[in-house]
C-alpha atoms as a PDB file:
ATOM      1  CA  UNK A   1     -74.595 -27.665  77.293  1.00  0.00           C
ATOM      2  CA  UNK A   2     -73.305 -28.879  73.961  1.00  0.00           C
ATOM      3  CA  UNK A   3     -69.917 -29.605  75.494  1.00  0.00           C
ATOM      4  CA  UNK A   4     -71.341 -32.236  77.840  1.00  0.00           C
ATOM      5  CA  UNK A   5     -73.304 -33.882  75.068  1.00  0.00           C
ATOM      6  CA  UNK A   6     -70.195 -34.230  72.876  1.00  0.00           C
ATOM      7  CA  UNK A   7     -68.266 -35.800  75.743  1.00  0.00           C
ATOM      8  CA  UNK A   8     -70.932 -38.443  76.260  1.00  0.00           C
ATOM      9  CA  UNK A   9     -71.040 -39.219  72.547  1.00  0.00           C
ATOM     10  CA  UNK A  10     -67.257 -39.552  72.446  1.00  0.00           C
ATOM     11  CA  UNK A  11     -67.347 -41.958  75.403  1.00  0.00           C
ATOM     12  CA  UNK A  12     -69.997 -44.073  73.680  1.00  0.00           C
ATOM     13  CA  UNK A  13     -67.932 -44.191  70.484  1.00  0.00           C
ATOM     14  CA  UNK A  14     -64.821 -45.253  72.448  1.00  0.00           C
ATOM     15  CA  UNK A  15     -66.756 -48.032  74.206  1.00  0.00           C
ATOM     16  CA  UNK A  16     -68.171 -49.300  70.899  1.00  0.00           C
ATOM     17  CA  UNK A  17     -64.726 -49.222  69.287  1.00  0.00           C
ATOM     18  CA  UNK A  18     -63.167 -51.183  72.151  1.00  0.00           C
ATOM     19  CA  UNK A  19     -65.962 -53.784  71.964  1.00  0.00           C
ATOM     20  CA  UNK A  20     -65.340 -54.202  68.227  1.00  0.00           C
ATOM     21  CA  UNK A  21     -61.579 -54.609  68.785  1.00  0.00           C
ATOM     22  CA  UNK A  22     -62.168 -57.254  71.452  1.00  0.00           C
ATOM     23  CA  UNK A  23     -64.581 -59.171  69.220  1.00  0.00           C
ATOM     24  CA  UNK A  24     -62.296 -59.116  66.168  1.00  0.00           C
ATOM     25  CA  UNK A  25     -58.937 -59.793  67.833  1.00  0.00           C
ATOM     26  CA  UNK A  26     -58.006 -63.443  68.337  1.00  0.00           C
ATOM     27  CA  UNK A  27     -57.667 -64.697  71.882  1.00  0.00           C
ATOM     28  CA  UNK A  28     -53.961 -65.211  72.503  1.00  0.00           C
ATOM     29  CA  UNK A  29     -53.629 -65.337  76.277  1.00  0.00           C
ATOM     30  CA  UNK A  30     -56.242 -68.035  76.915  1.00  0.00           C
ATOM     31  CA  UNK A  31     -53.841 -70.798  75.835  1.00  0.00           C
ATOM     32  CA  UNK A  32     -56.356 -72.495  73.543  1.00  0.00           C
ATOM     33  CA  UNK A  33     -54.964 -72.214  70.028  1.00  0.00           C
ATOM     34  CA  UNK A  34     -56.707 -75.246  68.551  1.00  0.00           C
ATOM     35  CA  UNK A  35     -58.655 -72.967  66.197  1.00  0.00           C
ATOM     36  CA  UNK A  36     -55.518 -71.723  64.385  1.00  0.00           C
ATOM     37  CA  UNK A  37     -54.616 -74.733  62.201  1.00  0.00           C
ATOM     38  CA  UNK A  38     -57.569 -76.189  60.312  1.00  0.00           C
ATOM     39  CA  UNK A  39     -55.914 -78.926  58.225  1.00  0.00           C
ATOM     40  CA  UNK A  40     -52.861 -79.772  56.126  1.00  0.00           C
ATOM     41  CA  UNK A  41     -53.146 -78.345  52.618  1.00  0.00           C
ATOM     42  CA  UNK A  42     -52.898 -81.167  50.106  1.00  0.00           C
ATOM     43  CA  UNK A  43     -51.831 -80.345  46.564  1.00  0.00           C
ATOM     44  CA  UNK A  44     -49.042 -81.165  44.118  1.00  0.00           C
ATOM     45  CA  UNK A  45     -47.105 -78.059  45.040  1.00  0.00           C
ATOM     46  CA  UNK A  46     -47.480 -78.779  48.764  1.00  0.00           C
ATOM     47  CA  UNK A  47     -46.034 -82.284  48.294  1.00  0.00           C
ATOM     48  CA  UNK A  48     -43.176 -81.016  46.122  1.00  0.00           C
ATOM     49  CA  UNK A  49     -41.914 -78.609  48.820  1.00  0.00           C
ATOM     50  CA  UNK A  50     -41.956 -81.263  51.589  1.00  0.00           C
ATOM     51  CA  UNK A  51     -38.504 -82.357  50.370  1.00  0.00           C
ATOM     52  CA  UNK A  52     -37.232 -78.897  51.351  1.00  0.00           C
ATOM     53  CA  UNK A  53     -38.746 -79.186  54.874  1.00  0.00           C
ATOM     54  CA  UNK A  54     -41.626 -76.844  54.057  1.00  0.00           C
ATOM     55  CA  UNK A  55     -45.126 -77.866  55.126  1.00  0.00           C
ATOM     56  CA  UNK A  56     -48.358 -76.210  53.998  1.00  0.00           C
ATOM     57  CA  UNK A  57     -51.403 -75.833  56.256  1.00  0.00           C
ATOM     58  CA  UNK A  58     -54.860 -74.344  55.831  1.00  0.00           C
ATOM     59  CA  UNK A  59     -55.255 -71.878  58.706  1.00  0.00           C
ATOM     60  CA  UNK A  60     -58.007 -69.729  60.157  1.00  0.00           C
ATOM     61  CA  UNK A  61     -58.485 -66.330  58.525  1.00  0.00           C
ATOM     62  CA  UNK A  62     -57.851 -64.532  61.847  1.00  0.00           C
ATOM     63  CA  UNK A  63     -54.548 -66.328  62.525  1.00  0.00           C
ATOM     64  CA  UNK A  64     -51.240 -64.502  62.287  1.00  0.00           C
ATOM     65  CA  UNK A  65     -47.644 -65.755  62.029  1.00  0.00           C
ATOM     66  CA  UNK A  66     -47.007 -65.773  65.782  1.00  0.00           C
ATOM     67  CA  UNK A  67     -50.116 -67.819  66.502  1.00  0.00           C
ATOM     68  CA  UNK A  68     -49.278 -70.283  63.736  1.00  0.00           C
ATOM     69  CA  UNK A  69     -45.758 -70.746  65.131  1.00  0.00           C
ATOM     70  CA  UNK A  70     -47.172 -71.390  68.613  1.00  0.00           C
ATOM     71  CA  UNK A  71     -49.695 -73.904  67.281  1.00  0.00           C
ATOM     72  CA  UNK A  72     -47.018 -75.813  65.342  1.00  0.00           C
ATOM     73  CA  UNK A  73     -44.819 -75.931  68.459  1.00  0.00           C
ATOM     74  CA  UNK A  74     -47.679 -77.157  70.615  1.00  0.00           C
ATOM     75  CA  UNK A  75     -49.274 -79.791  68.363  1.00  0.00           C
ATOM     76  CA  UNK A  76     -46.368 -81.071  66.258  1.00  0.00           C
ATOM     77  CA  UNK A  77     -43.561 -80.421  68.796  1.00  0.00           C
ATOM     78  CA  UNK A  78     -41.139 -78.929  66.263  1.00  0.00           C
ATOM     79  CA  UNK A  79     -39.621 -75.447  66.112  1.00  0.00           C
ATOM     80  CA  UNK A  80     -40.477 -73.563  62.889  1.00  0.00           C
ATOM     81  CA  UNK A  81     -37.746 -71.358  61.428  1.00  0.00           C
ATOM     82  CA  UNK A  82     -40.207 -69.077  59.667  1.00  0.00           C
ATOM     83  CA  UNK A  83     -43.813 -68.899  58.526  1.00  0.00           C
ATOM     84  CA  UNK A  84     -45.126 -67.363  55.300  1.00  0.00           C
ATOM     85  CA  UNK A  85     -48.834 -66.651  54.794  1.00  0.00           C
ATOM     86  CA  UNK A  86     -50.753 -66.591  51.508  1.00  0.00           C
ATOM     87  CA  UNK A  87     -54.355 -65.434  51.138  1.00  0.00           C
ATOM     88  CA  UNK A  88     -56.105 -67.138  48.227  1.00  0.00           C
ATOM     89  CA  UNK A  89     -59.111 -65.179  46.959  1.00  0.00           C
ATOM     90  CA  UNK A  90     -62.361 -66.889  45.924  1.00  0.00           C
ATOM     91  CA  UNK A  91     -62.580 -68.042  42.312  1.00  0.00           C
ATOM     92  CA  UNK A  92     -65.584 -67.933  39.993  1.00  0.00           C
ATOM     93  CA  UNK A  93     -66.894 -71.328  38.960  1.00  0.00           C
ATOM     94  CA  UNK A  94     -69.539 -72.023  36.332  1.00  0.00           C
ATOM     95  CA  UNK A  95     -71.725 -75.106  36.572  1.00  0.00           C
ATOM     96  CA  UNK A  96     -71.534 -77.025  33.313  1.00  0.00           C
ATOM     97  CA  UNK A  97     -74.999 -78.453  33.895  1.00  0.00           C
ATOM     98  CA  UNK A  98     -77.033 -75.364  34.762  1.00  0.00           C
ATOM     99  CA  UNK A  99     -74.725 -72.560  33.654  1.00  0.00           C
ATOM    100  CA  UNK A 100     -75.027 -70.818  37.031  1.00  0.00           C
ATOM    101  CA  UNK A 101     -72.073 -68.856  38.364  1.00  0.00           C
ATOM    102  CA  UNK A 102     -70.814 -69.485  41.881  1.00  0.00           C
ATOM    103  CA  UNK A 103     -67.699 -68.899  43.945  1.00  0.00           C
ATOM    104  CA  UNK A 104     -65.258 -71.097  45.809  1.00  0.00           C
ATOM    105  CA  UNK A 105     -64.367 -70.206  49.376  1.00  0.00           C
ATOM    106  CA  UNK A 106     -61.337 -68.043  50.083  1.00  0.00           C
ATOM    107  CA  UNK A 107     -58.482 -69.822  51.866  1.00  0.00           C
ATOM    108  CA  UNK A 108     -55.554 -68.734  54.019  1.00  0.00           C
ATOM    109  CA  UNK A 109     -52.461 -70.938  53.655  1.00  0.00           C
ATOM    110  CA  UNK A 110     -49.373 -71.015  55.856  1.00  0.00           C
ATOM    111  CA  UNK A 111     -46.003 -72.240  54.602  1.00  0.00           C
ATOM    112  CA  UNK A 112     -44.073 -73.505  57.651  1.00  0.00           C
ATOM    113  CA  UNK A 113     -40.287 -73.842  57.273  1.00  0.00           C
ATOM    114  CA  UNK A 114     -38.502 -76.338  59.561  1.00  0.00           C
ATOM    115  CA  UNK A 115     -34.874 -77.184  60.343  1.00  0.00           C
ATOM    116  CA  UNK A 116     -33.148 -79.947  58.337  1.00  0.00           C
ATOM    117  CA  UNK A 117     -33.571 -82.653  61.002  1.00  0.00           C
ATOM    118  CA  UNK A 118     -37.197 -81.895  61.849  1.00  0.00           C
ATOM    119  CA  UNK A 119     -40.242 -83.323  60.116  1.00  0.00           C
ATOM    120  CA  UNK A 120     -44.010 -83.460  60.559  1.00  0.00           C
ATOM    121  CA  UNK A 121     -46.079 -86.595  60.071  1.00  0.00           C
ATOM    122  CA  UNK A 122     -49.245 -85.542  58.245  1.00  0.00           C
ATOM    123  CA  UNK A 123     -50.819 -89.019  58.148  1.00  0.00           C
END
């Protein structure tokens, strides 16, 4: 009888694992990729690399390079050459008024490289 019980438990574990995978994986085939790019990333370094046709965007934490490329094609109508991703960890911040310690949010940045003739209007 123990054999049948193990089989049922294995089936339950497989179902739970597949549900977790479905919940965590981003939806690619639905066509809606508006959630991928959150905003342009504005900083001194981001503005300095615009001369080299590199644009920096804040992206969703679940986004990958393929999804970012598709989103850039769809919304900005330019073909990216390559995409690099950087995960910025949260930083500790101390309030000068109260002395309490807090954290900033973690951010995922995407560096999007374009051809020489292409450009993106961020304004």
